[in-house]
Protein backbone atom coordinates (compact mmCIF):
# COMPACT_ATOMS: atom_id res chain seq x y z
CA MET A 1 95.93 115.69 71.41
CA LEU A 2 94.59 113.02 73.77
CA PHE A 3 95.56 110.34 71.25
CA LEU A 4 99.14 111.65 71.14
CA LYS A 5 99.42 111.76 74.93
CA ASN A 6 98.19 108.16 75.22
CA LEU A 7 100.54 107.05 72.45
CA ALA A 8 103.51 108.79 74.10
CA PHE A 9 102.74 107.21 77.48
CA THR A 10 102.29 103.76 75.90
CA VAL A 11 105.61 103.94 74.07
CA LEU A 12 107.51 105.32 77.06
CA VAL A 13 106.16 103.30 79.98
CA PRO A 14 104.65 99.95 78.90
CA GLY A 15 106.93 100.04 75.86
CA THR A 16 109.93 100.17 78.16
CA VAL A 17 108.62 97.76 80.81
CA ALA A 18 107.29 95.12 78.39
CA GLY A 19 109.48 95.83 75.37
CA LEU A 20 112.86 97.45 75.91
CA VAL A 21 113.78 95.81 79.23
CA PRO A 22 112.74 92.30 78.11
CA TYR A 23 114.75 92.85 74.91
CA ALA A 24 117.81 93.78 76.99
CA ILE A 25 117.33 90.73 79.22
CA LEU A 26 117.01 88.44 76.20
CA ALA A 27 119.96 90.06 74.41
CA SER A 28 122.17 89.60 77.45
CA SER A 29 121.46 85.87 77.37
CA SER A 30 121.60 85.58 73.55
CA ARG A 31 117.94 84.52 73.29
CA LEU A 32 116.60 86.96 70.74
CA VAL A 33 114.98 84.20 68.68
CA PRO A 34 111.96 82.37 70.11
CA ARG A 35 112.77 78.83 71.15
CA ASP A 36 110.90 75.94 69.61
CA THR A 37 109.19 74.79 72.77
CA GLY A 38 106.13 73.49 71.01
CA ALA A 39 102.84 74.44 72.63
CA LEU A 40 104.53 76.75 75.16
CA ARG A 41 105.73 78.95 72.33
CA TYR A 42 102.21 79.32 70.98
CA ALA A 43 100.81 79.87 74.46
CA GLY A 44 103.41 82.62 74.94
CA LEU A 45 102.47 84.26 71.66
CA ALA A 46 98.78 84.08 72.60
CA LEU A 47 99.50 85.75 75.97
CA VAL A 48 101.49 88.54 74.30
CA LEU A 49 98.61 89.22 71.92
CA LEU A 50 95.98 88.94 74.67
CA GLY A 51 97.91 91.29 76.96
CA GLY A 52 98.41 93.79 74.14
CA ALA A 53 94.71 93.75 73.24
CA LEU A 54 93.71 94.15 76.89
CA TYR A 55 96.06 97.11 77.28
CA LEU A 56 94.66 98.81 74.19
CA ALA A 57 91.09 98.28 75.44
CA CYS A 58 92.06 99.93 78.72
CA VAL A 59 93.70 102.90 77.04
CA TRP A 60 90.60 103.34 74.88
CA GLY A 61 88.46 103.42 78.03
CA PHE A 62 90.72 105.94 79.72
CA ALA A 63 90.64 108.21 76.66
CA HIS A 64 87.03 107.72 75.54
CA VAL A 65 85.24 107.45 78.89
CA GLY A 66 87.66 109.11 81.31
CA ARG A 67 89.06 111.75 78.93
CA GLY A 68 92.58 111.13 80.23
CA THR A 69 95.59 108.86 80.01
CA PRO A 70 97.14 106.09 82.13
CA ALA A 71 99.88 108.55 83.17
CA PRO A 72 99.63 109.61 86.83
CA ILE A 73 100.30 113.20 85.72
CA ASP A 74 97.28 113.17 83.35
CA PRO A 75 94.74 110.73 84.81
CA PRO A 76 91.16 110.29 83.60
CA ARG A 77 88.77 113.06 84.63
CA THR A 78 86.06 110.57 85.58
CA LEU A 79 86.28 107.16 87.21
CA VAL A 80 86.49 104.47 84.52
CA VAL A 81 84.45 101.42 85.52
CA ARG A 82 83.53 100.14 82.05
CA GLY A 83 85.20 97.66 79.74
CA PRO A 84 87.94 95.59 81.40
CA HIS A 85 87.64 97.73 84.54
CA ARG A 86 84.29 96.03 85.26
CA PHE A 87 86.13 92.83 86.11
CA THR A 88 89.33 93.97 87.83
CA ARG A 89 90.47 97.34 89.12
CA ASN A 90 93.90 97.01 87.50
CA PRO A 91 93.56 95.54 84.03
CA MET A 92 96.42 97.62 82.59
CA TYR A 93 98.92 96.18 85.02
CA ILE A 94 97.53 92.72 84.34
CA ALA A 95 97.87 93.38 80.61
CA VAL A 96 101.53 94.42 80.84
CA SER A 97 102.31 91.48 83.16
CA THR A 98 100.57 89.12 80.73
CA VAL A 99 102.73 90.40 77.88
CA ILE A 100 105.90 89.79 79.92
CA LEU A 101 104.75 86.29 80.95
CA GLY A 102 103.98 85.56 77.30
CA GLU A 103 107.45 86.73 76.30
CA ALA A 104 108.99 84.51 78.97
CA LEU A 105 107.15 81.50 77.55
CA LEU A 106 107.80 82.48 73.94
CA PHE A 107 111.54 82.76 74.54
CA ALA A 108 111.72 80.06 77.25
CA SER A 109 113.46 82.52 79.56
CA GLY A 110 113.57 82.03 83.30
CA ARG A 111 115.25 85.43 83.66
CA LEU A 112 112.34 87.07 81.89
CA LEU A 113 109.89 85.20 84.11
CA ALA A 114 111.74 86.45 87.22
CA TYR A 115 111.67 89.98 85.81
CA GLY A 116 107.92 89.67 85.20
CA LEU A 117 107.32 88.59 88.80
CA ALA A 118 109.39 91.55 90.03
CA VAL A 119 107.38 93.90 87.81
CA LEU A 120 104.14 92.47 89.18
CA ALA A 121 105.39 93.01 92.75
CA GLY A 122 106.29 96.61 91.84
CA PHE A 123 102.84 97.14 90.35
CA HIS A 124 101.23 95.85 93.52
CA LEU A 125 103.24 98.22 95.71
CA PHE A 126 102.49 101.17 93.43
CA VAL A 127 98.76 100.39 93.45
CA VAL A 128 98.53 99.94 97.23
CA LEU A 129 100.84 102.78 98.29
CA TYR A 130 100.06 105.46 95.69
CA GLU A 131 97.28 104.75 93.24
CA GLU A 132 94.48 103.61 95.54
CA PRO A 133 94.93 106.45 98.09
CA THR A 134 95.05 108.95 95.23
CA LEU A 135 91.89 107.56 93.63
CA ARG A 136 90.11 107.62 96.99
CA ARG A 137 90.94 111.33 97.30
CA LEU A 138 89.93 112.11 93.70
CA PHE A 139 86.71 110.10 93.39
CA GLY A 140 85.60 109.57 97.03
CA PRO A 141 82.50 107.43 97.56
CA ALA A 142 82.31 106.39 93.91
CA TYR A 143 85.75 104.80 94.20
CA GLU A 144 84.86 103.19 97.54
CA THR A 145 81.81 101.58 95.92
CA TYR A 146 83.96 100.45 93.00
CA CYS A 147 86.50 98.88 95.38
CA ALA A 148 83.71 97.06 97.23
CA GLU A 149 82.34 95.65 93.97
CA VAL A 150 85.47 94.89 91.90
CA ARG A 151 88.56 93.00 93.00
CA ARG A 152 92.01 94.55 92.85
CA TRP A 153 93.68 91.84 90.75
CA LEU A 154 91.78 88.65 90.02
CA PRO A 155 88.39 88.96 88.36
CA ALA A 156 85.49 87.46 90.29
CA VAL A 157 84.48 84.09 88.89
CA LYS A 158 80.82 84.86 89.53
CA ALA A 159 79.52 88.35 88.85
CA ARG A 160 78.09 90.01 91.92
CA GLY A 161 75.18 92.44 91.87
CA ARG A 162 77.18 95.54 91.01
CA ARG A 163 76.27 99.06 92.02
CA LEU A 164 78.95 100.77 89.98
CA PRO A 165 78.65 104.49 89.33
């Protein structure tokens, strides 16, 4: 059942944000075929694949370690601080944003790049205004320690001595 819930969330939310909406943006500008932009096209494809793999690793962690989903209505039962979450507190949002950036490069679309930046701004507001206060209430001191040890967005270049739960 947990697999089906994670699959449904992935199709509905990231599937819409990084799939359906970019498709609509590209269709409206008649750019449904990747442009031959040389190395940028391959860089874009690499970012799409990297973002997709990162997202899947995060979902696995939420299901396997946290026994939950990325959906706010069915969050993990335990704080997930393993896998990609060891390096940044928000790897799923980074993953989806990376996919959109990759699509923008792949299709050489400024409109898609602007959309990706707007999505990233929306993610930031959601994290700061809803997600972090909620996680503080749910996981208390364990989450506070996690926040002190792991950055919100950009991974630390040098690993610090971590005291993660």
